[in-house]
N, C-alpha and C. Protein backbone atom coordinates (compact mmCIF):
# COMPACT_ATOMS: atom_id res chain seq x y z
N MET A 1 6.27 22.77 -15.39
CA MET A 1 6.49 21.98 -14.23
C MET A 1 7.71 22.50 -13.68
N MET A 2 7.63 22.99 -12.49
CA MET A 2 8.66 23.87 -11.51
C MET A 2 9.63 22.76 -10.82
N ASP A 3 10.69 23.08 -11.28
CA ASP A 3 11.90 22.42 -10.56
C ASP A 3 12.14 22.42 -9.15
N GLU A 4 12.56 21.32 -8.70
CA GLU A 4 12.18 21.02 -7.18
C GLU A 4 12.87 22.69 -6.46
N ASP A 5 14.00 22.98 -6.73
CA ASP A 5 14.48 24.00 -6.27
C ASP A 5 13.40 25.56 -6.44
N GLU A 6 12.81 25.48 -7.39
CA GLU A 6 11.75 26.74 -7.47
C GLU A 6 10.64 26.65 -6.45
N VAL A 7 10.18 25.37 -6.02
CA VAL A 7 9.28 25.57 -5.38
C VAL A 7 9.21 25.93 -3.88
N PRO A 8 8.56 26.79 -3.74
CA PRO A 8 8.18 27.66 -2.33
C PRO A 8 8.10 26.78 -0.93
N PHE A 9 9.23 26.90 -0.09
CA PHE A 9 9.09 26.21 0.99
C PHE A 9 8.16 26.72 2.09
N THR A 10 7.05 25.94 2.67
CA THR A 10 6.25 26.20 3.69
C THR A 10 6.70 25.90 4.99
N ARG A 11 6.97 27.24 5.67
CA ARG A 11 7.50 26.69 7.37
C ARG A 11 6.43 26.66 8.27
N LEU A 12 6.11 25.06 8.57
CA LEU A 12 5.22 24.73 9.39
C LEU A 12 5.19 24.95 10.96
N THR A 13 4.58 25.16 11.61
CA THR A 13 4.46 25.80 13.22
C THR A 13 5.25 24.42 13.92
N PRO A 14 5.80 24.45 14.97
CA PRO A 14 6.63 23.61 15.34
C PRO A 14 5.58 22.47 16.05
N GLY A 15 4.45 23.00 16.10
CA GLY A 15 3.24 21.93 16.95
C GLY A 15 3.30 21.01 15.59
N LEU A 16 3.27 21.55 14.23
CA LEU A 16 2.69 20.77 13.10
C LEU A 16 3.73 19.70 12.96
N ARG A 17 5.15 20.48 13.33
CA ARG A 17 6.45 19.49 13.00
C ARG A 17 6.43 18.34 13.63
N ILE A 18 5.96 18.65 15.11
CA ILE A 18 6.28 17.68 15.85
C ILE A 18 4.99 16.68 15.72
N ILE A 19 3.96 17.11 15.43
CA ILE A 19 2.97 15.89 14.87
C ILE A 19 3.48 15.15 13.40
N CYS A 20 4.11 15.61 12.51
CA CYS A 20 4.62 14.77 11.20
C CYS A 20 5.70 13.91 11.84
N ILE A 21 6.68 14.10 13.07
CA ILE A 21 7.62 13.22 13.27
C ILE A 21 7.09 12.20 13.91
N LEU A 22 5.74 12.53 14.71
CA LEU A 22 5.45 11.45 15.39
C LEU A 22 4.53 10.78 14.49
N THR A 23 4.04 11.00 13.27
CA THR A 23 3.31 10.35 12.36
C THR A 23 4.47 9.32 11.58
N ILE A 24 5.74 9.94 11.29
CA ILE A 24 6.44 9.25 11.00
C ILE A 24 7.09 8.30 11.61
N PHE A 25 7.03 8.28 12.86
CA PHE A 25 7.44 7.17 13.68
C PHE A 25 6.69 6.28 14.14
N LEU A 26 5.02 6.51 13.65
CA LEU A 26 4.23 5.91 13.97
C LEU A 26 3.69 4.96 12.61
N LEU A 27 4.09 5.54 11.72
CA LEU A 27 3.73 4.81 10.49
C LEU A 27 4.87 3.81 9.93
N VAL A 28 6.45 3.83 10.34
CA VAL A 28 7.41 2.89 10.42
C VAL A 28 7.56 1.91 11.33
N ALA A 29 7.24 2.28 12.64
CA ALA A 29 7.03 1.29 13.75
C ALA A 29 5.82 0.39 13.48
N SER A 30 4.72 0.96 12.73
CA SER A 30 3.63 0.04 12.46
C SER A 30 3.90 -0.99 11.34
N ALA A 31 4.80 -0.43 10.42
CA ALA A 31 5.02 -1.41 9.38
C ALA A 31 6.21 -2.20 9.71
N LEU A 32 7.42 -1.85 10.52
CA LEU A 32 8.45 -2.66 10.82
C LEU A 32 7.70 -3.49 11.90
N GLY A 33 6.61 -3.08 12.63
CA GLY A 33 6.47 -4.07 13.92
C GLY A 33 5.82 -4.96 13.45
N GLU A 34 4.74 -5.02 12.43
CA GLU A 34 3.83 -6.14 11.89
C GLU A 34 4.76 -6.38 11.05
N THR A 35 5.98 -6.45 10.14
CA THR A 35 6.70 -7.34 9.78
C THR A 35 7.16 -8.04 10.33
N ILE A 36 7.91 -7.60 11.45
CA ILE A 36 8.37 -8.39 12.67
C ILE A 36 7.41 -9.44 13.12
N MET A 37 6.18 -8.88 13.50
CA MET A 37 5.18 -10.43 13.70
C MET A 37 4.98 -11.36 12.87
N PHE A 38 4.68 -10.93 11.43
CA PHE A 38 4.67 -12.02 10.27
C PHE A 38 5.80 -12.61 10.40
N LEU A 39 6.62 -12.28 10.35
CA LEU A 39 8.11 -13.42 10.08
C LEU A 39 7.98 -14.41 11.45
N TYR A 40 7.73 -13.63 12.39
CA TYR A 40 7.59 -14.35 13.74
C TYR A 40 6.62 -15.84 13.79
N SER A 41 5.68 -15.25 13.14
CA SER A 41 4.34 -16.07 13.20
C SER A 41 4.54 -17.22 11.85
N TRP A 42 5.42 -17.05 10.85
CA TRP A 42 5.89 -17.94 10.25
C TRP A 42 6.70 -19.00 10.42
N PHE A 43 7.99 -18.32 11.27
CA PHE A 43 9.11 -19.20 11.42
C PHE A 43 9.13 -19.66 12.76
N PHE A 44 8.30 -19.36 13.67
CA PHE A 44 8.28 -19.52 15.26
C PHE A 44 6.91 -19.95 15.56
N ASP A 45 6.17 -19.89 14.88
CA ASP A 45 4.52 -20.16 15.08
C ASP A 45 3.86 -21.09 14.04
N GLU A 46 2.86 -21.14 14.04
CA GLU A 46 1.77 -21.87 13.32
C GLU A 46 1.04 -21.28 12.27
N ALA A 47 1.79 -20.43 11.84
CA ALA A 47 1.08 -19.45 10.75
C ALA A 47 0.40 -20.46 9.73
N TYR A 48 1.41 -21.30 9.01
CA TYR A 48 1.42 -22.23 7.91
C TYR A 48 -0.12 -23.25 8.23
N SER A 49 0.18 -23.82 9.29
CA SER A 49 -1.14 -24.70 9.68
C SER A 49 -2.37 -24.05 9.73
N GLN A 50 -2.57 -22.56 10.50
CA GLN A 50 -3.84 -21.78 10.64
C GLN A 50 -4.11 -21.31 9.46
N LEU A 51 -3.39 -21.15 8.46
CA LEU A 51 -3.66 -20.67 7.14
C LEU A 51 -4.11 -21.78 6.61
N VAL A 52 -3.68 -23.11 6.28
CA VAL A 52 -4.29 -24.63 6.14
C VAL A 52 -5.95 -24.72 6.26
N GLN A 53 -5.73 -24.28 7.95
CA GLN A 53 -7.32 -24.69 8.02
C GLN A 53 -8.22 -23.46 7.82
N GLY A 54 -7.73 -22.36 7.70
CA GLY A 54 -8.86 -21.39 7.10
C GLY A 54 -9.14 -21.51 6.28
N TYR A 55 -8.34 -22.13 4.87
CA TYR A 55 -8.80 -22.51 3.65
C TYR A 55 -9.60 -23.70 3.36
N ILE A 56 -9.49 -24.41 4.33
CA ILE A 56 -10.34 -25.54 4.58
C ILE A 56 -11.70 -25.42 4.95
N SER A 57 -11.88 -24.57 5.73
CA SER A 57 -13.00 -23.93 6.55
C SER A 57 -13.72 -23.39 5.03
N TYR A 58 -13.03 -22.61 4.86
CA TYR A 58 -13.78 -21.99 3.04
C TYR A 58 -13.79 -22.80 2.03
N ALA A 59 -12.99 -23.69 1.87
CA ALA A 59 -13.18 -24.76 0.97
C ALA A 59 -13.16 -25.77 1.16
N PRO A 60 -14.30 -27.12 1.78
CA PRO A 60 -14.10 -27.90 2.37
C PRO A 60 -13.94 -29.09 1.62
N VAL A 61 -13.62 -29.02 0.49
CA VAL A 61 -13.31 -30.02 -0.74
C VAL A 61 -11.85 -30.09 -0.63
N LEU A 62 -11.08 -29.12 0.35
CA LEU A 62 -9.85 -29.57 0.55
C LEU A 62 -9.26 -30.30 1.72
N LYS A 63 -10.43 -30.69 2.38
CA LYS A 63 -10.27 -32.09 3.24
C LYS A 63 -9.86 -33.19 2.44
N GLU A 64 -9.90 -33.07 1.23
CA GLU A 64 -9.91 -34.46 0.54
C GLU A 64 -8.40 -34.76 -0.31
N TYR A 65 -7.79 -33.66 0.05
CA TYR A 65 -6.29 -33.58 -0.33
C TYR A 65 -5.88 -33.86 0.98
N ALA A 66 -4.31 -34.63 0.44
CA ALA A 66 -3.28 -34.31 1.38
C ALA A 66 -2.69 -33.04 1.19
N ILE A 67 -2.36 -32.26 1.82
CA ILE A 67 -1.83 -30.71 1.87
C ILE A 67 -0.39 -30.85 2.63
N PRO A 68 0.46 -31.05 1.66
CA PRO A 68 2.08 -31.18 2.25
C PRO A 68 2.26 -30.08 3.30
N THR A 69 3.33 -30.05 4.13
CA THR A 69 3.65 -29.42 5.28
C THR A 69 4.93 -28.94 5.14
N ARG A 70 5.80 -29.22 4.00
CA ARG A 70 6.98 -28.58 3.48
C ARG A 70 7.37 -29.02 2.21
N GLY A 71 8.59 -28.20 1.91
CA GLY A 71 9.02 -28.23 0.39
C GLY A 71 8.04 -27.28 -0.01
N TYR A 72 8.27 -27.13 -1.64
CA TYR A 72 7.74 -26.08 -2.28
C TYR A 72 6.44 -25.89 -2.01
N VAL A 73 5.44 -26.33 -1.64
CA VAL A 73 4.06 -25.47 -1.29
C VAL A 73 4.13 -25.05 0.39
N TYR A 74 5.02 -25.38 0.94
CA TYR A 74 5.25 -24.28 2.13
C TYR A 74 6.09 -23.29 2.02
N LEU A 75 6.73 -23.13 0.80
CA LEU A 75 7.58 -21.75 0.39
C LEU A 75 7.16 -21.12 -0.16
N GLY A 76 5.95 -21.78 -1.38
CA GLY A 76 5.37 -21.10 -1.91
C GLY A 76 3.95 -20.58 -1.35
N THR A 77 3.59 -21.13 -0.43
CA THR A 77 2.59 -20.30 0.48
C THR A 77 3.28 -19.02 1.59
N PHE A 78 4.27 -19.38 1.96
CA PHE A 78 5.18 -17.92 2.47
C PHE A 78 5.23 -17.20 1.52
N PHE A 79 5.49 -17.40 0.12
CA PHE A 79 5.75 -16.37 -0.82
C PHE A 79 4.73 -15.65 -1.04
N LEU A 80 3.21 -16.13 -1.16
CA LEU A 80 2.22 -15.39 -1.54
C LEU A 80 1.84 -14.70 -0.63
N ALA A 81 2.12 -15.33 0.98
CA ALA A 81 1.46 -14.42 2.12
C ALA A 81 2.36 -13.34 2.23
N CYS A 82 3.60 -13.13 1.85
CA CYS A 82 4.54 -12.18 1.95
C CYS A 82 3.68 -11.00 0.52
N LEU A 83 3.75 -11.86 -0.36
CA LEU A 83 2.94 -10.53 -1.80
C LEU A 83 1.79 -10.25 -1.02
N ASN A 84 0.89 -10.73 -0.28
CA ASN A 84 -0.52 -10.50 0.22
C ASN A 84 -0.12 -9.37 1.21
N GLU A 85 0.80 -9.39 1.89
CA GLU A 85 1.41 -8.15 3.19
C GLU A 85 1.90 -6.87 2.55
N LEU A 86 2.89 -7.58 1.27
CA LEU A 86 3.49 -6.07 0.79
C LEU A 86 3.35 -4.59 0.68
N PRO A 87 2.14 -4.92 -0.12
CA PRO A 87 1.52 -3.63 -0.38
C PRO A 87 0.92 -2.75 0.98
N TYR A 88 0.34 -3.19 2.03
CA TYR A 88 0.28 -2.10 2.84
C TYR A 88 1.61 -1.78 3.93
N TYR A 89 2.29 -2.84 3.73
CA TYR A 89 3.59 -2.35 4.65
C TYR A 89 4.36 -1.31 3.46
N ALA A 90 4.42 -1.25 2.27
CA ALA A 90 4.86 -0.70 1.57
C ALA A 90 4.37 1.04 1.65
N ALA A 91 2.68 0.74 1.54
CA ALA A 91 2.08 2.28 1.57
C ALA A 91 2.64 2.90 2.94
N MET A 92 2.59 2.31 4.09
CA MET A 92 2.76 2.62 5.19
C MET A 92 4.68 3.46 5.16
N LEU A 93 5.31 2.64 4.52
CA LEU A 93 6.85 3.61 4.77
C LEU A 93 6.89 4.67 3.66
N ILE A 94 5.91 4.52 2.86
CA ILE A 94 5.72 5.61 1.70
C ILE A 94 5.07 6.87 2.16
N ALA A 95 4.02 6.80 2.89
CA ALA A 95 3.35 7.81 3.73
C ALA A 95 4.53 8.80 4.70
N ALA A 96 5.43 8.00 5.36
CA ALA A 96 6.10 8.23 6.27
C ALA A 96 6.93 8.83 5.60
N PHE A 97 7.70 8.75 3.90
CA PHE A 97 8.18 9.97 3.50
C PHE A 97 7.49 10.88 2.93
N LEU A 98 6.31 10.56 2.39
CA LEU A 98 5.47 11.97 2.33
C LEU A 98 5.29 12.65 3.80
N PHE A 99 5.25 12.45 5.09
CA PHE A 99 5.09 13.42 5.80
C PHE A 99 6.97 13.83 6.56
N LEU A 100 7.72 13.24 5.66
CA LEU A 100 9.28 13.61 6.10
C LEU A 100 9.43 14.91 5.35
N ASN A 101 9.01 15.00 4.06
CA ASN A 101 8.28 16.18 2.80
C ASN A 101 7.98 17.43 3.56
N PHE A 102 6.95 17.13 4.20
CA PHE A 102 6.02 17.73 5.29
C PHE A 102 6.85 18.77 5.93
N TYR A 103 7.44 17.46 6.79
CA TYR A 103 8.16 18.04 7.90
C TYR A 103 9.59 18.89 7.53
N LYS A 104 9.94 18.67 6.10
CA LYS A 104 11.06 19.34 5.78
C LYS A 104 10.78 21.11 5.20
N GLY A 105 9.34 20.83 5.24
CA GLY A 105 8.85 22.38 4.43
C GLY A 105 8.78 21.92 3.08
N LYS A 106 8.69 20.87 2.38
CA LYS A 106 8.11 20.76 0.96
C LYS A 106 6.58 20.34 0.61
N VAL A 107 5.84 21.43 0.99
CA VAL A 107 4.49 20.74 1.36
C VAL A 107 3.93 20.87 -0.25
N TRP A 108 4.18 22.19 -1.40
CA TRP A 108 3.63 21.92 -2.54
C TRP A 108 4.89 21.05 -3.60
N TRP A 109 5.55 20.58 -3.20
CA TRP A 109 6.37 19.60 -4.25
C TRP A 109 5.47 18.57 -4.67
N TYR A 110 6.04 18.56 -6.13
CA TYR A 110 4.94 17.62 -6.73
C TYR A 110 5.74 16.16 -6.59
N GLY A 111 6.58 15.85 -5.81
CA GLY A 111 6.57 14.60 -5.45
C GLY A 111 5.88 14.10 -4.72
N ASN A 112 5.20 15.13 -3.89
CA ASN A 112 4.17 14.61 -2.75
C ASN A 112 2.78 13.73 -3.26
N VAL A 113 2.73 14.40 -4.51
CA VAL A 113 1.43 14.18 -5.12
C VAL A 113 1.82 12.44 -5.81
N VAL A 114 2.82 12.23 -6.47
CA VAL A 114 3.66 11.23 -6.58
C VAL A 114 3.42 9.91 -5.54
N LEU A 115 4.01 10.37 -4.16
CA LEU A 115 4.07 9.34 -3.40
C LEU A 115 2.60 9.43 -2.84
N LEU A 116 1.82 10.26 -2.57
CA LEU A 116 0.18 10.10 -2.36
C LEU A 116 -0.35 8.90 -3.60
N ARG A 117 0.17 9.19 -4.64
CA ARG A 117 -0.98 8.20 -5.53
C ARG A 117 -0.31 6.75 -5.65
N SER A 118 1.08 6.57 -5.08
CA SER A 118 1.73 5.36 -5.13
C SER A 118 1.11 4.79 -3.47
N VAL A 119 0.76 5.64 -2.62
CA VAL A 119 -0.28 5.29 -1.47
C VAL A 119 -1.44 4.36 -1.96
N ALA A 120 -2.02 5.45 -2.88
CA ALA A 120 -3.54 4.83 -3.15
C ALA A 120 -3.35 4.01 -4.38
N ILE A 121 -2.36 3.68 -4.73
CA ILE A 121 -2.40 2.32 -5.78
C ILE A 121 -2.25 0.98 -5.00
N LEU A 122 -1.39 1.41 -4.12
CA LEU A 122 -0.90 0.35 -3.25
C LEU A 122 -2.23 -0.15 -2.28
N PHE A 123 -3.09 0.84 -1.71
CA PHE A 123 -4.22 0.39 -0.85
C PHE A 123 -5.34 -0.38 -2.12
N ILE A 124 -5.12 -0.04 -3.49
CA ILE A 124 -6.18 -0.68 -4.01
C ILE A 124 -5.79 -2.25 -4.28
N VAL A 125 -4.44 -2.01 -4.29
CA VAL A 125 -3.69 -3.42 -4.73
C VAL A 125 -4.22 -4.15 -3.70
N ASP A 126 -3.75 -3.73 -2.10
CA ASP A 126 -4.15 -4.56 -1.09
C ASP A 126 -5.17 -5.17 -0.98
N GLY A 127 -6.72 -4.24 -1.39
CA GLY A 127 -7.73 -4.71 -1.40
C GLY A 127 -8.37 -5.97 -2.48
N VAL A 128 -7.53 -5.59 -3.31
CA VAL A 128 -7.76 -6.83 -4.61
C VAL A 128 -6.76 -8.03 -4.58
N SER A 129 -6.07 -8.03 -3.95
CA SER A 129 -4.59 -9.08 -3.83
C SER A 129 -5.39 -10.28 -3.37
N PRO A 130 -6.19 -10.49 -2.80
CA PRO A 130 -6.80 -11.74 -1.69
C PRO A 130 -7.59 -12.58 -2.61
N TYR A 131 -8.12 -11.78 -3.64
CA TYR A 131 -8.99 -12.60 -4.54
C TYR A 131 -8.17 -12.94 -5.82
N ILE A 132 -6.67 -12.45 -5.74
CA ILE A 132 -5.90 -13.10 -6.80
C ILE A 132 -5.37 -14.03 -6.29
N LEU A 133 -4.67 -13.74 -5.32
CA LEU A 133 -3.67 -14.85 -4.50
C LEU A 133 -4.15 -15.81 -3.91
N GLY A 134 -5.54 -15.70 -3.64
CA GLY A 134 -6.58 -16.93 -2.94
C GLY A 134 -6.47 -18.13 -3.40
N PRO A 135 -6.82 -18.01 -4.75
CA PRO A 135 -7.13 -18.94 -5.65
C PRO A 135 -5.63 -19.63 -6.30
N LEU A 136 -4.87 -18.79 -6.33
CA LEU A 136 -3.42 -19.38 -6.43
C LEU A 136 -2.70 -20.24 -5.32
N GLN A 137 -3.29 -19.65 -3.98
CA GLN A 137 -2.89 -20.73 -3.18
C GLN A 137 -3.40 -21.89 -2.92
N ILE A 138 -4.73 -21.71 -3.19
CA ILE A 138 -5.48 -23.02 -3.20
C ILE A 138 -4.92 -24.23 -4.44
N LEU A 139 -4.52 -23.45 -5.51
CA LEU A 139 -4.35 -24.48 -6.91
C LEU A 139 -2.47 -24.65 -6.26
N LEU A 140 -2.10 -24.04 -5.52
CA LEU A 140 -0.56 -24.47 -4.84
C LEU A 140 -0.96 -26.12 -4.15
N PHE A 141 -2.04 -25.51 -3.15
CA PHE A 141 -2.09 -26.62 -2.31
C PHE A 141 -2.35 -28.28 -3.05
N THR A 142 -2.84 -28.15 -4.12
CA THR A 142 -3.63 -29.46 -4.92
C THR A 142 -3.06 -29.42 -5.94
N PHE A 143 -1.76 -28.97 -6.24
CA PHE A 143 -1.41 -28.56 -7.68
C PHE A 143 -0.36 -30.01 -7.64
N SER A 144 0.14 -30.86 -6.90
CA SER A 144 0.72 -32.32 -6.92
C SER A 144 -0.20 -33.31 -6.85
N GLN A 145 -1.71 -33.51 -6.87
CA GLN A 145 -2.63 -34.22 -6.78
C GLN A 145 -3.68 -34.01 -8.16
N HIS A 146 -4.78 -33.32 -7.59
CA HIS A 146 -5.76 -32.93 -8.63
C HIS A 146 -5.95 -31.48 -8.56
N PRO A 147 -5.33 -30.84 -9.20
CA PRO A 147 -5.51 -29.34 -9.10
C PRO A 147 -6.33 -28.69 -9.27
N LEU A 148 -7.05 -27.93 -8.21
CA LEU A 148 -8.40 -27.43 -7.98
C LEU A 148 -8.09 -25.76 -8.18
N VAL A 149 -9.04 -25.57 -9.34
CA VAL A 149 -9.06 -23.74 -9.47
C VAL A 149 -10.63 -23.42 -8.86
N ASN A 150 -10.04 -22.50 -7.62
CA ASN A 150 -11.07 -21.64 -6.91
C ASN A 150 -11.06 -20.60 -7.34
N ILE A 151 -12.59 -19.86 -7.96
CA ILE A 151 -12.57 -18.54 -7.91
C ILE A 151 -13.01 -17.90 -6.48
N TYR A 152 -12.74 -16.73 -6.53
CA TYR A 152 -13.50 -16.00 -5.02
C TYR A 152 -14.64 -15.07 -5.74
N VAL A 153 -15.91 -15.26 -5.30
CA VAL A 153 -16.82 -14.12 -5.11
C VAL A 153 -17.09 -13.75 -3.88
N GLY A 154 -17.45 -12.22 -4.50
CA GLY A 154 -17.69 -11.46 -3.61
C GLY A 154 -16.92 -10.77 -2.92
N PHE A 155 -16.76 -9.66 -1.85
CA PHE A 155 -16.26 -8.93 -1.32
C PHE A 155 -16.32 -8.72 0.18
N THR A 156 -15.30 -8.93 0.92
CA THR A 156 -15.41 -8.61 2.53
C THR A 156 -15.61 -7.10 2.59
N SER A 157 -15.89 -6.70 3.67
CA SER A 157 -16.04 -5.21 4.19
C SER A 157 -14.96 -4.92 4.12
N ASP A 158 -13.85 -5.36 4.68
CA ASP A 158 -12.44 -4.99 5.12
C ASP A 158 -11.98 -4.50 3.69
N GLY A 159 -12.14 -5.36 2.78
CA GLY A 159 -11.56 -5.07 1.15
C GLY A 159 -12.35 -4.11 0.76
N VAL A 160 -13.53 -4.02 0.65
CA VAL A 160 -14.46 -2.76 0.23
C VAL A 160 -13.82 -1.47 1.02
N ARG A 161 -13.76 -1.82 2.17
CA ARG A 161 -12.81 -0.20 3.21
C ARG A 161 -11.62 0.11 2.37
N VAL A 162 -11.17 -0.75 2.21
CA VAL A 162 -9.56 -0.49 1.72
C VAL A 162 -9.74 0.27 0.29
N LEU A 163 -10.27 -0.44 -0.65
CA LEU A 163 -10.75 -0.45 -2.18
C LEU A 163 -11.32 1.20 -2.07
N ILE A 164 -12.33 1.62 -1.07
CA ILE A 164 -12.66 3.00 -1.20
C ILE A 164 -11.68 4.34 -0.75
N ILE A 165 -11.18 3.35 0.46
CA ILE A 165 -9.90 4.35 0.94
C ILE A 165 -9.19 4.87 -0.53
N GLY A 166 -8.64 3.82 -1.20
CA GLY A 166 -7.34 3.87 -2.34
C GLY A 166 -8.11 4.80 -3.30
N PHE A 167 -9.27 4.30 -3.88
CA PHE A 167 -9.85 5.23 -4.55
C PHE A 167 -9.83 6.71 -4.40
N THR A 168 -10.53 7.08 -3.26
CA THR A 168 -10.65 8.41 -2.60
C THR A 168 -8.87 9.04 -2.80
N LEU A 169 -8.12 8.32 -2.02
CA LEU A 169 -6.84 9.16 -2.33
C LEU A 169 -6.50 9.50 -3.87
N LEU A 170 -6.36 8.27 -4.72
CA LEU A 170 -6.42 8.73 -5.51
C LEU A 170 -7.11 9.73 -6.63
N VAL A 171 -8.26 9.42 -6.45
CA VAL A 171 -9.25 10.97 -6.96
C VAL A 171 -8.45 12.28 -6.43
N PHE A 172 -8.10 12.30 -4.83
CA PHE A 172 -7.93 13.46 -4.24
C PHE A 172 -6.21 14.01 -5.02
N CYS A 173 -5.26 12.66 -5.18
CA CYS A 173 -4.37 13.10 -5.90
C CYS A 173 -4.48 13.75 -7.71
N TRP A 174 -5.48 13.26 -8.28
CA TRP A 174 -5.67 14.13 -9.22
C TRP A 174 -5.80 15.39 -9.27
N VAL A 175 -6.85 15.70 -8.09
CA VAL A 175 -7.41 16.91 -7.74
C VAL A 175 -6.40 17.85 -7.68
N LEU A 176 -5.10 17.32 -6.62
CA LEU A 176 -3.76 18.19 -6.30
C LEU A 176 -3.11 18.27 -7.52
N ALA A 177 -3.21 17.45 -8.22
CA ALA A 177 -2.15 17.77 -9.40
C ALA A 177 -2.42 18.41 -10.58
N GLU A 178 -4.14 18.67 -10.61
CA GLU A 178 -5.09 19.89 -11.51
C GLU A 178 -4.78 21.34 -10.92
N ALA A 179 -4.81 21.10 -9.60
CA ALA A 179 -4.59 22.67 -8.75
C ALA A 179 -3.18 22.75 -8.74
N ARG A 180 -2.16 22.14 -8.62
CA ARG A 180 -0.52 22.33 -8.83
C ARG A 180 -0.53 22.88 -10.56
N TYR A 181 -1.14 22.15 -11.37
CA TYR A 181 -0.95 22.62 -12.73
C TYR A 181 -1.47 24.18 -12.73
N LEU A 182 -2.51 24.45 -12.65
CA LEU A 182 -3.35 25.81 -12.50
C LEU A 182 -2.30 26.76 -11.88
N PHE A 183 -2.18 26.09 -10.92
CA PHE A 183 -1.34 27.47 -9.84
C PHE A 183 0.04 27.62 -10.53
N GLU A 184 0.84 26.33 -11.56
CA GLU A 184 2.50 26.61 -12.10
C GLU A 184 1.81 27.77 -13.42
N GLU A 185 1.02 27.38 -13.93
CA GLU A 185 0.36 28.22 -15.25
C GLU A 185 0.16 29.59 -14.85
N ASN A 186 -0.81 29.91 -13.84
CA ASN A 186 -1.18 31.10 -13.43
C ASN A 186 0.72 31.76 -13.06
N GLU A 187 1.44 31.14 -12.01
CA GLU A 187 2.96 31.64 -11.56
C GLU A 187 3.59 32.20 -13.27
N TYR A 188 3.55 31.27 -14.32
CA TYR A 188 4.32 31.50 -15.42
C TYR A 188 3.54 32.77 -16.20
N ILE A 189 2.11 32.90 -16.27
CA ILE A 189 1.86 34.17 -16.97
C ILE A 189 2.23 35.34 -16.14
N LEU A 190 1.96 35.62 -14.81
CA LEU A 190 2.20 36.58 -13.95
C LEU A 190 3.48 36.97 -14.46
N LYS A 191 4.55 35.87 -14.15
CA LYS A 191 6.13 36.20 -14.49
C LYS A 191 6.25 36.95 -15.76
N LYS A 192 5.55 36.26 -16.79
CA LYS A 192 5.48 36.96 -18.21
C LYS A 192 4.95 38.12 -18.09
N ASP A 193 4.10 38.66 -17.73
CA ASP A 193 3.40 39.84 -17.52
C ASP A 193 4.21 40.80 -16.78
N SER A 194 5.04 40.44 -16.00
CA SER A 194 6.03 41.64 -15.05
C SER A 194 6.87 41.82 -15.76
N GLN A 195 7.62 40.39 -17.01
CA GLN A 195 8.47 40.80 -17.47
C GLN A 195 8.54 41.69 -18.73
N ARG A 196 7.32 41.75 -19.14
CA ARG A 196 6.39 42.75 -20.24
C ARG A 196 6.96 43.94 -19.67
N LYS A 197 5.72 44.19 -18.50
CA LYS A 197 6.10 45.61 -17.88
C LYS A 197 7.57 46.06 -17.90
N ALA A 198 8.21 45.48 -17.56
CA ALA A 198 9.82 45.88 -16.97
C ALA A 198 10.02 45.94 -18.09
């Protein structure tokens, strides 16, 4: 594998460099803006009560429980909500680093494959996490009384869409890694051949 210093730089056109900067700005602004809105909804709005009502509409049996509005249940719910949002925001910030490498001319750097693979995995985690965190949330609501274990069955259209995008990016990373390996192997053969002729 080539060292970072050996990877050829690709000089992008000024137009593409501007587009890369705009993309970086949009990705970072989206991640930070949505994070601020998420925290605001929890500390200054009614995110917790809306979340509880959403779970009650999904599992009407929760109406029989006295769900606490403070204490460890509130903090645990906030923690689970953060875990649910984290993969998406992390994917946006990692994608910003990817476009920063493009802007710098590191188009063929192997680190880009690693970054893109990380984005793909985070998208897959983002699509799967509600089906893991949802039952944990219901268990947390009911833990102090009669613990209720609820298993999610089925997929939402948004969840399927995110999983497809993540899987597609993962396959794309696989293809890029193979292409880069073949490129480096070819470069090594050509270098050896030129040394032999010299």
